[in-house]
Amino acid sequence: MQYFINKHKDEGRRANGLKDNGDPTEKQLIRLYVEYEQACARAGVVDFAELLLRALRACARQPRSCCMHYTAGASRHILVDEFQTPTRSSTPGSGCSRLRGACCSRSG
């Protein structure tokens, strides 16, 4: 179940945007994804995939705000404290990578 949820979050898809295409298994997985999102919202918690998705969406809405740090010349390097298996949202060609690339290329 968690794989299903994380896979869709990594692709930038929320439960309410998914279609089951008449597949009863897919319908059940989507229903559970909806319930999971609701339970997290009620509890005021987010999982790691949600943190990435929110950051990506925030940068997509306001890329200049997300990139000011780079364009102001404040940072030349980024220290990565921990490396985990990359997800689609964090790999080259993905949303985060494209936004980061655009920011860094503008900073010179």
N, C-alpha and C. Protein backbone atom coordinates (compact mmCIF):
# COMPACT_ATOMS: atom_id res chain seq x y z
N MET A 1 0.82 -1.18 0.00
CA MET A 1 0.00 0.00 0.00
C MET A 1 0.88 1.26 0.00
N GLN A 2 1.86 1.28 0.88
CA GLN A 2 2.73 2.45 0.96
C GLN A 2 3.49 2.66 -0.35
N TYR A 3 3.86 1.56 -1.01
CA TYR A 3 4.52 1.68 -2.31
C TYR A 3 3.60 2.38 -3.31
N PHE A 4 2.34 2.00 -3.34
CA PHE A 4 1.36 2.61 -4.26
C PHE A 4 1.26 4.12 -4.01
N ILE A 5 1.14 4.49 -2.75
CA ILE A 5 1.01 5.91 -2.38
C ILE A 5 2.29 6.67 -2.74
N ASN A 6 3.43 6.15 -2.33
CA ASN A 6 4.69 6.84 -2.60
C ASN A 6 4.97 6.96 -4.09
N LYS A 7 4.66 5.91 -4.84
CA LYS A 7 4.87 5.94 -6.29
C LYS A 7 4.09 7.10 -6.92
N HIS A 8 2.85 7.26 -6.52
CA HIS A 8 2.04 8.34 -7.09
C HIS A 8 2.50 9.71 -6.59
N LYS A 9 2.88 9.81 -5.33
CA LYS A 9 3.40 11.08 -4.83
C LYS A 9 4.70 11.44 -5.55
N ASP A 10 5.56 10.45 -5.77
CA ASP A 10 6.82 10.69 -6.47
C ASP A 10 6.58 11.18 -7.89
N GLU A 11 5.45 10.79 -8.47
CA GLU A 11 5.08 11.23 -9.82
C GLU A 11 4.29 12.53 -9.78
N GLY A 12 4.04 13.06 -8.56
CA GLY A 12 3.31 14.31 -8.41
C GLY A 12 1.81 14.17 -8.47
N ARG A 13 1.29 12.96 -8.23
CA ARG A 13 -0.15 12.72 -8.33
C ARG A 13 -0.79 12.52 -6.96
N ARG A 14 -1.85 13.25 -6.72
CA ARG A 14 -2.65 13.10 -5.52
C ARG A 14 -3.74 12.07 -5.78
N ALA A 15 -4.33 11.53 -4.74
CA ALA A 15 -5.36 10.51 -4.86
C ALA A 15 -6.56 11.00 -5.66
N ASN A 16 -6.94 12.24 -5.45
CA ASN A 16 -8.14 12.75 -6.13
C ASN A 16 -7.95 12.93 -7.63
N GLY A 17 -6.73 12.80 -8.12
CA GLY A 17 -6.48 12.92 -9.54
C GLY A 17 -6.30 11.59 -10.25
N LEU A 18 -6.45 10.50 -9.51
CA LEU A 18 -6.24 9.17 -10.09
C LEU A 18 -7.53 8.59 -10.64
N LYS A 19 -7.39 7.77 -11.67
CA LYS A 19 -8.53 7.07 -12.27
C LYS A 19 -8.32 5.57 -12.10
N ASP A 20 -9.40 4.85 -11.82
CA ASP A 20 -9.27 3.40 -11.65
C ASP A 20 -9.47 2.63 -12.95
N ASN A 21 -9.97 3.28 -13.99
CA ASN A 21 -10.20 2.65 -15.30
C ASN A 21 -10.96 1.34 -15.19
N GLY A 22 -11.89 1.28 -14.25
CA GLY A 22 -12.72 0.10 -14.09
C GLY A 22 -12.07 -1.07 -13.40
N ASP A 23 -10.84 -0.90 -12.94
CA ASP A 23 -10.11 -1.98 -12.26
C ASP A 23 -10.47 -1.95 -10.77
N PRO A 24 -11.10 -3.02 -10.24
CA PRO A 24 -11.51 -3.01 -8.83
C PRO A 24 -10.33 -2.92 -7.85
N THR A 25 -9.20 -3.51 -8.21
CA THR A 25 -8.03 -3.42 -7.34
C THR A 25 -7.51 -1.99 -7.29
N GLU A 26 -7.42 -1.36 -8.44
CA GLU A 26 -6.97 0.03 -8.51
C GLU A 26 -7.94 0.94 -7.76
N LYS A 27 -9.23 0.66 -7.88
CA LYS A 27 -10.25 1.44 -7.18
C LYS A 27 -10.04 1.36 -5.67
N GLN A 28 -9.77 0.16 -5.17
CA GLN A 28 -9.53 -0.04 -3.74
C GLN A 28 -8.26 0.68 -3.29
N LEU A 29 -7.19 0.59 -4.08
CA LEU A 29 -5.94 1.27 -3.74
C LEU A 29 -6.13 2.78 -3.69
N ILE A 30 -6.88 3.31 -4.64
CA ILE A 30 -7.14 4.76 -4.66
C ILE A 30 -7.96 5.17 -3.44
N ARG A 31 -8.96 4.35 -3.09
CA ARG A 31 -9.78 4.65 -1.91
C ARG A 31 -8.91 4.67 -0.65
N LEU A 32 -8.00 3.70 -0.54
CA LEU A 32 -7.11 3.66 0.62
C LEU A 32 -6.15 4.85 0.63
N TYR A 33 -5.69 5.28 -0.54
CA TYR A 33 -4.83 6.46 -0.66
C TYR A 33 -5.59 7.70 -0.16
N VAL A 34 -6.85 7.82 -0.56
CA VAL A 34 -7.69 8.94 -0.09
C VAL A 34 -7.81 8.90 1.43
N GLU A 35 -8.09 7.73 1.97
CA GLU A 35 -8.23 7.59 3.43
C GLU A 35 -6.91 7.89 4.13
N TYR A 36 -5.81 7.48 3.56
CA TYR A 36 -4.50 7.75 4.13
C TYR A 36 -4.24 9.26 4.18
N GLU A 37 -4.53 9.95 3.08
CA GLU A 37 -4.35 11.41 3.06
C GLU A 37 -5.22 12.09 4.11
N GLN A 38 -6.45 11.63 4.24
CA GLN A 38 -7.37 12.21 5.23
C GLN A 38 -6.88 11.95 6.66
N ALA A 39 -6.41 10.75 6.92
CA ALA A 39 -5.89 10.42 8.25
C ALA A 39 -4.66 11.27 8.59
N CYS A 40 -3.78 11.44 7.62
CA CYS A 40 -2.59 12.29 7.84
C CYS A 40 -3.01 13.73 8.12
N ALA A 41 -3.97 14.23 7.35
CA ALA A 41 -4.44 15.60 7.54
C ALA A 41 -5.06 15.78 8.93
N ARG A 42 -5.88 14.82 9.34
CA ARG A 42 -6.50 14.90 10.68
C ARG A 42 -5.45 14.90 11.78
N ALA A 43 -4.41 14.09 11.60
CA ALA A 43 -3.36 13.98 12.62
C ALA A 43 -2.32 15.11 12.51
N GLY A 44 -2.37 15.86 11.42
CA GLY A 44 -1.41 16.95 11.24
C GLY A 44 0.00 16.45 10.97
N VAL A 45 0.12 15.33 10.25
CA VAL A 45 1.43 14.76 9.95
C VAL A 45 1.62 14.63 8.44
N VAL A 46 2.88 14.55 8.02
CA VAL A 46 3.20 14.29 6.62
C VAL A 46 4.29 13.23 6.57
N ASP A 47 4.28 12.45 5.49
CA ASP A 47 5.35 11.47 5.30
C ASP A 47 6.43 12.09 4.41
N PHE A 48 7.52 11.36 4.21
CA PHE A 48 8.64 11.90 3.46
C PHE A 48 8.25 12.23 2.02
N ALA A 49 7.49 11.35 1.39
CA ALA A 49 7.06 11.60 0.01
C ALA A 49 6.21 12.86 -0.08
N GLU A 50 5.42 13.11 0.96
CA GLU A 50 4.58 14.32 0.99
C GLU A 50 5.44 15.57 1.12
N LEU A 51 6.51 15.49 1.92
CA LEU A 51 7.42 16.64 2.03
C LEU A 51 8.02 17.00 0.67
N LEU A 52 8.46 15.98 -0.07
CA LEU A 52 9.01 16.22 -1.40
C LEU A 52 7.96 16.80 -2.34
N LEU A 53 6.76 16.23 -2.31
CA LEU A 53 5.69 16.70 -3.19
C LEU A 53 5.32 18.14 -2.87
N ARG A 54 5.22 18.48 -1.61
CA ARG A 54 4.88 19.87 -1.24
C ARG A 54 5.98 20.84 -1.66
N ALA A 55 7.22 20.45 -1.48
CA ALA A 55 8.33 21.32 -1.89
C ALA A 55 8.33 21.52 -3.40
N LEU A 56 8.13 20.45 -4.14
CA LEU A 56 8.09 20.55 -5.59
C LEU A 56 6.95 21.45 -6.05
N ARG A 57 5.78 21.27 -5.47
CA ARG A 57 4.63 22.10 -5.86
C ARG A 57 4.83 23.56 -5.46
N ALA A 58 5.44 23.80 -4.32
CA ALA A 58 5.70 25.18 -3.90
C ALA A 58 6.67 25.86 -4.87
N CYS A 59 7.70 25.15 -5.27
CA CYS A 59 8.67 25.70 -6.21
C CYS A 59 8.06 25.87 -7.60
N ALA A 60 7.16 24.99 -7.97
CA ALA A 60 6.50 25.11 -9.27
C ALA A 60 5.59 26.34 -9.29
N ARG A 61 4.95 26.63 -8.15
CA ARG A 61 4.06 27.80 -8.06
C ARG A 61 4.86 29.10 -8.03
N GLN A 62 5.97 29.12 -7.31
CA GLN A 62 6.76 30.33 -7.16
C GLN A 62 8.24 30.01 -7.30
N PRO A 63 8.68 29.70 -8.52
CA PRO A 63 10.08 29.29 -8.70
C PRO A 63 11.08 30.37 -8.29
N ARG A 64 10.74 31.63 -8.46
CA ARG A 64 11.68 32.69 -8.08
C ARG A 64 11.94 32.70 -6.59
N SER A 65 10.90 32.49 -5.80
CA SER A 65 11.08 32.46 -4.35
C SER A 65 11.96 31.30 -3.93
N CYS A 66 11.75 30.16 -4.55
CA CYS A 66 12.55 28.99 -4.22
C CYS A 66 13.99 29.15 -4.67
N CYS A 67 14.20 29.95 -5.70
CA CYS A 67 15.52 30.08 -6.29
C CYS A 67 16.30 31.28 -5.78
N MET A 68 15.68 32.17 -5.03
CA MET A 68 16.37 33.38 -4.57
C MET A 68 17.68 33.05 -3.87
N HIS A 69 17.67 31.97 -3.13
CA HIS A 69 18.86 31.56 -2.39
C HIS A 69 20.04 31.39 -3.34
N TYR A 70 19.78 30.80 -4.49
CA TYR A 70 20.85 30.55 -5.46
C TYR A 70 21.18 31.82 -6.25
N THR A 71 20.14 32.52 -6.70
CA THR A 71 20.39 33.67 -7.56
C THR A 71 21.05 34.82 -6.80
N ALA A 72 20.86 34.86 -5.51
CA ALA A 72 21.49 35.91 -4.71
C ALA A 72 22.97 35.63 -4.48
N GLY A 73 23.42 34.45 -4.92
CA GLY A 73 24.82 34.09 -4.74
C GLY A 73 25.15 33.67 -3.33
N ALA A 74 24.13 33.37 -2.54
CA ALA A 74 24.37 32.99 -1.14
C ALA A 74 25.03 31.63 -1.02
N SER A 75 24.79 30.76 -1.98
CA SER A 75 25.33 29.41 -1.89
C SER A 75 25.96 28.98 -3.21
N ARG A 76 27.12 28.39 -3.10
CA ARG A 76 27.75 27.82 -4.29
C ARG A 76 27.65 26.31 -4.26
N HIS A 77 27.42 25.75 -3.06
CA HIS A 77 27.36 24.31 -2.90
C HIS A 77 26.20 23.95 -1.97
N ILE A 78 25.76 22.72 -2.10
CA ILE A 78 24.71 22.20 -1.23
C ILE A 78 25.27 20.95 -0.56
N LEU A 79 25.18 20.89 0.75
CA LEU A 79 25.62 19.72 1.50
C LEU A 79 24.43 18.79 1.68
N VAL A 80 24.58 17.55 1.23
CA VAL A 80 23.53 16.55 1.39
C VAL A 80 23.92 15.69 2.58
N ASP A 81 23.12 15.76 3.61
CA ASP A 81 23.41 15.06 4.85
C ASP A 81 23.18 13.56 4.74
N GLU A 82 22.21 13.18 3.93
CA GLU A 82 21.87 11.77 3.83
C GLU A 82 21.38 11.49 2.42
N PHE A 83 21.81 10.38 1.86
CA PHE A 83 21.35 10.03 0.53
C PHE A 83 20.50 8.78 0.63
N GLN A 84 19.30 8.87 0.09
CA GLN A 84 18.42 7.71 0.05
C GLN A 84 18.20 7.33 -1.41
N THR A 85 17.57 6.21 -1.62
CA THR A 85 17.27 5.80 -2.98
C THR A 85 16.51 6.93 -3.66
N PRO A 86 17.02 7.39 -4.80
CA PRO A 86 16.35 8.52 -5.45
C PRO A 86 14.96 8.15 -5.95
N THR A 87 14.08 9.11 -5.86
CA THR A 87 12.73 8.94 -6.39
C THR A 87 12.63 9.71 -7.69
N ARG A 88 11.56 9.50 -8.39
CA ARG A 88 11.37 10.19 -9.67
C ARG A 88 11.37 11.71 -9.48
N SER A 89 10.86 12.19 -8.35
CA SER A 89 10.80 13.62 -8.13
C SER A 89 12.17 14.22 -7.81
N SER A 90 13.17 13.38 -7.55
CA SER A 90 14.49 13.91 -7.19
C SER A 90 15.58 13.53 -8.19
N THR A 91 15.24 12.82 -9.26
CA THR A 91 16.25 12.38 -10.22
C THR A 91 16.39 13.37 -11.37
N PRO A 92 17.50 13.29 -12.13
CA PRO A 92 17.70 14.21 -13.25
C PRO A 92 16.52 14.17 -14.21
N GLY A 93 16.13 15.35 -14.67
CA GLY A 93 15.00 15.45 -15.59
C GLY A 93 13.67 15.58 -14.88
N SER A 94 13.67 15.44 -13.55
CA SER A 94 12.42 15.52 -12.80
C SER A 94 12.11 16.98 -12.46
N GLY A 95 10.97 17.17 -11.82
CA GLY A 95 10.55 18.51 -11.44
C GLY A 95 11.57 19.23 -10.58
N CYS A 96 12.02 18.60 -9.49
CA CYS A 96 12.98 19.24 -8.59
C CYS A 96 14.29 19.53 -9.31
N SER A 97 14.76 18.58 -10.08
CA SER A 97 16.03 18.78 -10.78
C SER A 97 15.94 19.89 -11.81
N ARG A 98 14.81 19.94 -12.54
CA ARG A 98 14.65 21.00 -13.54
C ARG A 98 14.60 22.37 -12.87
N LEU A 99 13.85 22.47 -11.76
CA LEU A 99 13.78 23.75 -11.05
C LEU A 99 15.14 24.16 -10.50
N ARG A 100 15.84 23.21 -9.90
CA ARG A 100 17.16 23.49 -9.35
C ARG A 100 18.11 23.91 -10.46
N GLY A 101 18.05 23.20 -11.59
CA GLY A 101 18.91 23.53 -12.73
C GLY A 101 18.65 24.91 -13.26
N ALA A 102 17.39 25.28 -13.35
CA ALA A 102 17.04 26.61 -13.84
C ALA A 102 17.55 27.69 -12.90
N CYS A 103 17.42 27.44 -11.61
CA CYS A 103 17.89 28.41 -10.61
C CYS A 103 19.39 28.56 -10.69
N CYS A 104 20.08 27.45 -10.70
CA CYS A 104 21.54 27.49 -10.66
C CYS A 104 22.10 28.07 -11.94
N SER A 105 21.48 27.81 -13.08
CA SER A 105 22.02 28.34 -14.34
C SER A 105 21.85 29.85 -14.41
N ARG A 106 20.81 30.38 -13.75
CA ARG A 106 20.61 31.83 -13.74
C ARG A 106 21.61 32.54 -12.84
N SER A 107 22.14 31.81 -11.86
CA SER A 107 23.02 32.47 -10.90
C SER A 107 24.43 32.66 -11.45
N GLY A 108 24.71 32.04 -12.60
CA GLY A 108 26.02 32.24 -13.21
C GLY A 108 26.96 31.23 -12.76
